[in-house]
Amino acid sequence: MRPQSAPTQYQPRLLGAAVLWLLGGSALLLTTLVPMHPELLGWTPAFGLIGAPPVILLPLEPTLPRQVFALCQPRRRALCSVVWH
């Protein structure tokens, strides 16, 4: 049995919300408004602000990591342009 995914009309909203959450959490941690590892809470703020959005994004868009890695890899040149005469 295949797992049910969210209806397609809600996926762009959830994707946008998760990306906004990730960017906002990163900004909060970088500006030190929220400490990364407080003594009382441990790593909870870091997970809540940075780790939770990817946990939400992966079920929505399972091919997203492959697409991002494909964009980061250098493209190969065509063999016809590297011909020795």
C-alpha atoms as a PDB file:
ATOM      1  CA  MET A   1       0.000   0.000   0.000  1.00  0.00           C
ATOM      2  CA  ARG A   2       1.396   3.405  -1.005  1.00  0.00           C
ATOM      3  CA  PRO A   3       1.463   6.156   1.600  1.00  0.00           C
ATOM      4  CA  GLN A   4      -0.984   8.938   0.943  1.00  0.00           C
ATOM      5  CA  SER A   5       0.549  12.314   0.158  1.00  0.00           C
ATOM      6  CA  ALA A   6      -0.997  15.699   0.753  1.00  0.00           C
ATOM      7  CA  PRO A   7      -3.277  16.973  -2.014  1.00  0.00           C
ATOM      8  CA  THR A   8      -1.354  18.788  -4.726  1.00  0.00           C
ATOM      9  CA  GLN A   9      -3.089  22.112  -4.035  1.00  0.00           C
ATOM     10  CA  TYR A  10      -1.569  22.273  -0.542  1.00  0.00           C
ATOM     11  CA  GLN A  11       1.962  21.150  -1.421  1.00  0.00           C
ATOM     12  CA  PRO A  12       3.241  24.540  -2.686  1.00  0.00           C
ATOM     13  CA  ARG A  13       1.958  26.216   0.478  1.00  0.00           C
ATOM     14  CA  LEU A  14       3.586  23.628   2.733  1.00  0.00           C
ATOM     15  CA  LEU A  15       6.794  23.774   0.729  1.00  0.00           C
ATOM     16  CA  GLY A  16       6.857  27.567   0.992  1.00  0.00           C
ATOM     17  CA  ALA A  17       6.110  27.446   4.705  1.00  0.00           C
ATOM     18  CA  ALA A  18       8.888  24.923   5.333  1.00  0.00           C
ATOM     19  CA  VAL A  19      11.414  26.965   3.342  1.00  0.00           C
ATOM     20  CA  LEU A  20      10.369  30.152   5.161  1.00  0.00           C
ATOM     21  CA  TRP A  21      10.667  28.316   8.489  1.00  0.00           C
ATOM     22  CA  LEU A  22      14.162  27.121   7.561  1.00  0.00           C
ATOM     23  CA  LEU A  23      15.298  30.593   6.497  1.00  0.00           C
ATOM     24  CA  GLY A  24      13.788  32.246   9.575  1.00  0.00           C
ATOM     25  CA  GLY A  25      15.313  29.676  11.907  1.00  0.00           C
ATOM     26  CA  SER A  26      18.704  30.058  10.262  1.00  0.00           C
ATOM     27  CA  ALA A  27      18.491  33.834  10.653  1.00  0.00           C
ATOM     28  CA  LEU A  28      17.562  33.494  14.329  1.00  0.00           C
ATOM     29  CA  LEU A  29      20.460  31.157  15.013  1.00  0.00           C
ATOM     30  CA  LEU A  30      22.966  33.234  13.025  1.00  0.00           C
ATOM     31  CA  THR A  31      22.001  36.478  14.752  1.00  0.00           C
ATOM     32  CA  THR A  32      22.237  34.691  18.125  1.00  0.00           C
ATOM     33  CA  LEU A  33      18.752  35.746  19.187  1.00  0.00           C
ATOM     34  CA  VAL A  34      18.248  32.074  19.993  1.00  0.00           C
ATOM     35  CA  PRO A  35      21.284  30.166  21.276  1.00  0.00           C
ATOM     36  CA  MET A  36      22.225  26.991  19.402  1.00  0.00           C
ATOM     37  CA  HIS A  37      22.769  24.826  22.499  1.00  0.00           C
ATOM     38  CA  PRO A  38      21.451  26.296  25.765  1.00  0.00           C
ATOM     39  CA  GLU A  39      22.201  24.439  28.967  1.00  0.00           C
ATOM     40  CA  LEU A  40      18.527  24.018  29.876  1.00  0.00           C
ATOM     41  CA  LEU A  41      17.134  22.909  26.485  1.00  0.00           C
ATOM     42  CA  GLY A  42      20.088  21.150  24.870  1.00  0.00           C
ATOM     43  CA  TRP A  43      19.864  20.835  21.092  1.00  0.00           C
ATOM     44  CA  THR A  44      16.084  21.380  20.946  1.00  0.00           C
ATOM     45  CA  PRO A  45      16.196  24.930  19.482  1.00  0.00           C
ATOM     46  CA  ALA A  46      18.657  23.885  16.786  1.00  0.00           C
ATOM     47  CA  PHE A  47      16.496  20.936  15.759  1.00  0.00           C
ATOM     48  CA  GLY A  48      13.280  22.953  15.908  1.00  0.00           C
ATOM     49  CA  LEU A  49      14.665  25.761  13.779  1.00  0.00           C
ATOM     50  CA  ILE A  50      16.989  23.884  11.386  1.00  0.00           C
ATOM     51  CA  GLY A  51      16.243  20.151  11.525  1.00  0.00           C
ATOM     52  CA  ALA A  52      12.462  20.099  11.447  1.00  0.00           C
ATOM     53  CA  PRO A  53      11.894  21.793   8.043  1.00  0.00           C
ATOM     54  CA  PRO A  54      13.865  19.132   6.111  1.00  0.00           C
ATOM     55  CA  VAL A  55      11.918  16.450   7.988  1.00  0.00           C
ATOM     56  CA  ILE A  56       8.756  18.077   6.627  1.00  0.00           C
ATOM     57  CA  LEU A  57      10.151  18.684   3.119  1.00  0.00           C
ATOM     58  CA  LEU A  58      11.404  15.151   2.446  1.00  0.00           C
ATOM     59  CA  PRO A  59       7.973  13.445   2.496  1.00  0.00           C
ATOM     60  CA  LEU A  60       6.517  16.237   0.359  1.00  0.00           C
ATOM     61  CA  GLU A  61       9.268  16.284  -2.256  1.00  0.00           C
ATOM     62  CA  PRO A  62      11.321  13.055  -2.077  1.00  0.00           C
ATOM     63  CA  THR A  63      13.305  13.916  -5.227  1.00  0.00           C
ATOM     64  CA  LEU A  64      14.347  17.362  -3.950  1.00  0.00           C
ATOM     65  CA  PRO A  65      17.784  16.272  -2.590  1.00  0.00           C
ATOM     66  CA  ARG A  66      18.684  14.663  -5.941  1.00  0.00           C
ATOM     67  CA  GLN A  67      17.671  17.813  -7.803  1.00  0.00           C
ATOM     68  CA  VAL A  68      19.767  20.006  -5.509  1.00  0.00           C
ATOM     69  CA  PHE A  69      22.814  17.738  -5.826  1.00  0.00           C
ATOM     70  CA  ALA A  70      22.380  17.641  -9.607  1.00  0.00           C
ATOM     71  CA  LEU A  71      22.495  21.441  -9.699  1.00  0.00           C
ATOM     72  CA  CYS A  72      25.680  21.493  -7.609  1.00  0.00           C
ATOM     73  CA  GLN A  73      27.599  19.017  -9.775  1.00  0.00           C
ATOM     74  CA  PRO A  74      29.585  20.427 -12.690  1.00  0.00           C
ATOM     75  CA  ARG A  75      28.181  19.592 -16.070  1.00  0.00           C
ATOM     76  CA  ARG A  76      30.182  17.448 -18.438  1.00  0.00           C
ATOM     77  CA  ARG A  77      31.225  18.807 -21.787  1.00  0.00           C
ATOM     78  CA  ALA A  78      30.110  17.106 -24.940  1.00  0.00           C
ATOM     79  CA  LEU A  79      32.733  14.812 -26.432  1.00  0.00           C
ATOM     80  CA  CYS A  80      32.409  16.379 -29.861  1.00  0.00           C
ATOM     81  CA  SER A  81      33.937  19.636 -28.591  1.00  0.00           C
ATOM     82  CA  VAL A  82      37.053  17.837 -27.315  1.00  0.00           C
ATOM     83  CA  VAL A  83      38.180  16.195 -30.532  1.00  0.00           C
ATOM     84  CA  TRP A  84      41.859  16.012 -31.447  1.00  0.00           C
ATOM     85  CA  HIS A  85      42.759  16.409 -35.094  1.00  0.00           C
END
